[in-house]
Amino acid sequence: MVARFSAITFTISGTTSGTFQNATLSYHTATVSSGIYDVNITVASSSGTTSGLARVDSNNQSVISVTVSGHTFYGAQAKSFFDTIMALFGLEEAYGGNVGLFTSSAYFHSTGTASMTFGSATFDVTTWIANSLPLSVNQCGYSANITAFTIEVGTPPGTSLTFITLLHIATSSPQNEDVTFKLVSMTVA
């Protein structure tokens, strides 16, 4: 993702298994050399702010180093820190892999498409909602009893990526959750 977008900010809020979470996640990149990026990452929540700097080689998808709280880590330890810090950005990929399921006419329908702006990026976004609620879904390894659902997806300029700009999902199983994941801004690389 860092090679496609030089900056992204998301918010995530809601309740999962009775635990409330509210966080703002952002990163911005600076090119060091061909395919090598410095990624400045910030996660701000009610429990504090965590920042880090990761050096990433997008040519082979490896994490070279991560610096957090003045300590620099390499190898497997650097990858572990990077994966932990970027975990919530992983929601984009985790749910993004299921966009086909979340836009299947068997369960959902489009309410329309509109041009939306997220920071410096403007593109068309299509909104999908459930045909009826509650909705039991058991397909492609995803199983849930959905009680509320909205997803907005679009393709940022200069990419072919189907990108989630908003996801609101509430489920009663496999766990009680009511979470909203929202794109605030992005800069396409």
Protein backbone atom coordinates (compact mmCIF):
# COMPACT_ATOMS: atom_id res chain seq x y z
CA MET A 1 0.00 0.00 0.00
CA VAL A 2 2.86 2.41 0.75
CA ALA A 3 4.00 2.37 -2.88
CA ARG A 4 0.52 3.32 -4.14
CA PHE A 5 -0.34 6.07 -1.64
CA SER A 6 2.13 8.57 -0.23
CA ALA A 7 -0.26 9.52 2.59
CA ILE A 8 -3.41 8.04 4.10
CA THR A 9 -5.47 8.87 7.19
CA PHE A 10 -8.26 6.63 8.51
CA THR A 11 -10.46 6.69 11.56
CA ILE A 12 -11.87 3.64 13.25
CA SER A 13 -14.43 3.72 16.02
CA GLY A 14 -16.90 1.42 17.63
CA THR A 15 -17.34 -1.47 20.00
CA THR A 16 -16.04 -5.01 19.68
CA SER A 17 -17.02 -7.55 22.35
CA GLY A 18 -17.90 -4.71 24.73
CA THR A 19 -14.63 -2.83 24.26
CA PHE A 20 -14.89 0.68 22.81
CA GLN A 21 -12.17 1.79 20.43
CA ASN A 22 -11.56 5.11 18.75
CA ALA A 23 -8.38 5.79 16.81
CA THR A 24 -6.94 7.87 14.02
CA LEU A 25 -4.31 6.17 11.90
CA SER A 26 -2.10 7.94 9.43
CA TYR A 27 1.03 7.46 7.48
CA HIS A 28 3.03 9.44 4.97
CA THR A 29 5.97 8.31 2.93
CA ALA A 30 9.16 9.84 1.66
CA THR A 31 11.11 8.20 -1.15
CA VAL A 32 14.65 7.29 -0.15
CA SER A 33 15.61 5.66 -3.46
CA SER A 34 13.94 3.61 -6.17
CA GLY A 35 11.38 1.43 -4.38
CA ILE A 36 12.69 2.27 -0.89
CA TYR A 37 10.41 4.37 1.32
CA ASP A 38 10.51 5.89 4.78
CA VAL A 39 7.04 5.49 6.22
CA ASN A 40 6.11 7.81 9.11
CA ILE A 41 3.24 6.14 10.99
CA THR A 42 1.05 7.64 13.73
CA VAL A 43 -1.71 5.91 15.68
CA ALA A 44 -3.61 8.24 18.02
CA SER A 45 -6.24 6.92 20.42
CA SER A 46 -7.65 7.72 23.83
CA SER A 47 -4.81 5.72 25.37
CA GLY A 48 -2.14 7.87 23.71
CA THR A 49 -0.19 8.35 20.51
CA THR A 50 2.30 5.93 19.01
CA SER A 51 4.63 7.03 16.23
CA GLY A 52 7.22 5.16 14.29
CA LEU A 53 9.40 5.33 11.22
CA ALA A 54 9.69 2.27 9.01
CA ARG A 55 12.02 1.82 6.06
CA VAL A 56 10.28 -0.42 3.52
CA ASP A 57 11.50 -1.96 0.27
CA SER A 58 8.41 -2.16 -1.95
CA ASN A 59 10.41 -4.03 -4.62
CA ASN A 60 10.40 -7.21 -2.53
CA GLN A 61 7.77 -6.21 0.11
CA SER A 62 10.29 -6.34 2.96
CA VAL A 63 10.64 -4.18 6.06
CA ILE A 64 14.26 -3.05 6.39
CA SER A 65 14.01 -1.34 9.79
CA VAL A 66 11.56 0.23 12.24
CA THR A 67 12.35 2.96 14.75
CA VAL A 68 9.95 3.35 17.67
CA SER A 69 10.63 5.40 20.83
CA GLY A 70 14.24 5.97 19.82
CA HIS A 71 15.01 2.27 19.31
CA THR A 72 15.71 0.80 15.88
CA PHE A 73 14.84 -2.78 15.04
CA TYR A 74 15.83 -4.93 12.06
CA GLY A 75 14.83 -8.23 10.49
CA ALA A 76 11.97 -10.24 11.99
CA GLN A 77 11.66 -7.83 14.91
CA ALA A 78 11.26 -4.87 12.53
CA LYS A 79 8.62 -6.75 10.53
CA SER A 80 6.75 -7.60 13.73
CA PHE A 81 6.70 -3.93 14.83
CA PHE A 82 5.64 -2.79 11.35
CA ASP A 83 2.85 -5.37 11.16
CA THR A 84 1.61 -4.35 14.63
CA ILE A 85 1.64 -0.63 13.87
CA MET A 86 0.04 -1.13 10.45
CA ALA A 87 -2.53 -3.69 11.67
CA LEU A 88 -5.48 -1.35 11.41
CA PHE A 89 -4.45 -0.29 7.91
CA GLY A 90 -4.75 -4.02 7.26
CA LEU A 91 -8.51 -3.66 7.61
CA GLU A 92 -8.46 -2.16 4.14
CA GLU A 93 -6.88 -5.31 2.78
CA ALA A 94 -8.87 -7.71 4.98
CA TYR A 95 -12.24 -6.28 4.03
CA GLY A 96 -11.01 -5.24 0.59
CA GLY A 97 -10.47 -8.90 -0.23
CA ASN A 98 -14.17 -9.44 0.46
CA VAL A 99 -15.52 -6.51 -1.58
CA GLY A 100 -17.02 -9.00 -4.05
CA LEU A 101 -18.97 -10.63 -1.22
CA PHE A 102 -19.98 -7.26 0.27
CA THR A 103 -21.33 -6.09 -3.08
CA SER A 104 -23.01 -9.37 -4.09
CA SER A 105 -26.58 -8.80 -5.29
CA ALA A 106 -27.59 -11.89 -3.30
CA TYR A 107 -27.11 -9.85 -0.10
CA PHE A 108 -26.58 -6.18 -0.98
CA HIS A 109 -27.64 -3.45 -3.38
CA SER A 110 -26.18 -0.16 -4.51
CA THR A 111 -27.85 3.08 -3.49
CA GLY A 112 -25.84 5.08 -6.03
CA THR A 113 -22.49 6.55 -6.97
CA ALA A 114 -21.18 10.02 -6.16
CA SER A 115 -17.91 11.90 -6.57
CA MET A 116 -16.19 12.28 -3.17
CA THR A 117 -13.04 14.05 -2.06
CA PHE A 118 -10.61 12.62 0.51
CA GLY A 119 -7.84 15.14 1.07
CA SER A 120 -6.25 15.65 -2.36
CA ALA A 121 -7.93 12.64 -4.01
CA THR A 122 -11.34 12.90 -5.69
CA PHE A 123 -13.01 9.86 -7.22
CA ASP A 124 -16.37 8.16 -7.69
CA VAL A 125 -17.60 6.14 -4.72
CA THR A 126 -20.47 3.63 -4.79
CA THR A 127 -22.52 2.98 -1.64
CA TRP A 128 -23.85 -0.52 -0.89
CA ILE A 129 -26.31 -1.55 1.83
CA ALA A 130 -27.90 -4.84 2.88
CA ASN A 131 -31.01 -6.01 1.02
CA SER A 132 -32.58 -6.81 4.40
CA LEU A 133 -31.46 -7.04 8.03
CA PRO A 134 -30.56 -9.06 9.98
CA LEU A 135 -28.54 -10.88 7.36
CA SER A 136 -26.78 -14.22 7.77
CA VAL A 137 -23.75 -14.57 5.50
CA ASN A 138 -21.67 -17.72 5.13
CA GLN A 139 -19.52 -17.49 2.00
CA CYS A 140 -15.87 -17.52 1.02
CA GLY A 141 -14.71 -18.28 4.55
CA TYR A 142 -16.65 -15.34 6.01
CA SER A 143 -19.52 -16.16 8.36
CA ALA A 144 -21.53 -13.59 10.32
CA ASN A 145 -24.97 -12.48 11.43
CA ILE A 146 -25.01 -8.86 10.24
CA THR A 147 -27.37 -6.41 11.95
CA ALA A 148 -26.22 -3.16 10.23
CA PHE A 149 -24.15 -2.65 7.10
CA THR A 150 -22.92 0.10 4.77
CA ILE A 151 -19.86 -0.02 2.56
CA GLU A 152 -18.56 2.61 0.16
CA VAL A 153 -15.99 1.65 -2.47
CA GLY A 154 -14.20 3.42 -5.29
CA THR A 155 -11.04 3.40 -7.37
CA PRO A 156 -8.56 6.17 -6.51
CA PRO A 157 -7.09 8.02 -9.52
CA GLY A 158 -3.99 6.46 -11.02
CA THR A 159 -4.74 3.03 -9.52
CA SER A 160 -6.79 -0.03 -10.35
CA LEU A 161 -7.40 -0.79 -6.67
CA THR A 162 -10.94 -1.17 -5.36
CA PHE A 163 -10.64 0.87 -2.19
CA ILE A 164 -12.96 0.95 0.81
CA THR A 165 -13.70 4.53 1.83
CA LEU A 166 -16.27 3.68 4.51
CA LEU A 167 -17.33 0.48 6.21
CA HIS A 168 -19.94 0.35 8.94
CA ILE A 169 -20.72 -3.16 10.11
CA ALA A 170 -22.55 -4.42 13.16
CA THR A 171 -22.80 -8.14 13.90
CA SER A 172 -24.29 -10.32 16.61
CA SER A 173 -22.07 -13.27 15.67
CA PRO A 174 -19.36 -14.47 15.51
CA GLN A 175 -19.00 -11.62 18.05
CA ASN A 176 -20.95 -8.53 19.03
CA GLU A 177 -19.41 -5.62 17.20
CA ASP A 178 -20.42 -2.26 15.80
CA VAL A 179 -17.47 -0.70 13.99
CA THR A 180 -17.02 2.17 11.54
CA PHE A 181 -13.87 2.38 9.45
CA LYS A 182 -13.59 5.62 7.44
CA LEU A 183 -11.10 7.13 5.01
CA VAL A 184 -10.37 10.77 5.92
CA SER A 185 -7.69 11.67 3.39
CA MET A 186 -5.26 10.19 0.89
CA THR A 187 -2.57 11.24 -1.52
CA VAL A 188 -2.01 8.93 -4.48
CA ALA A 189 1.71 8.39 -5.11
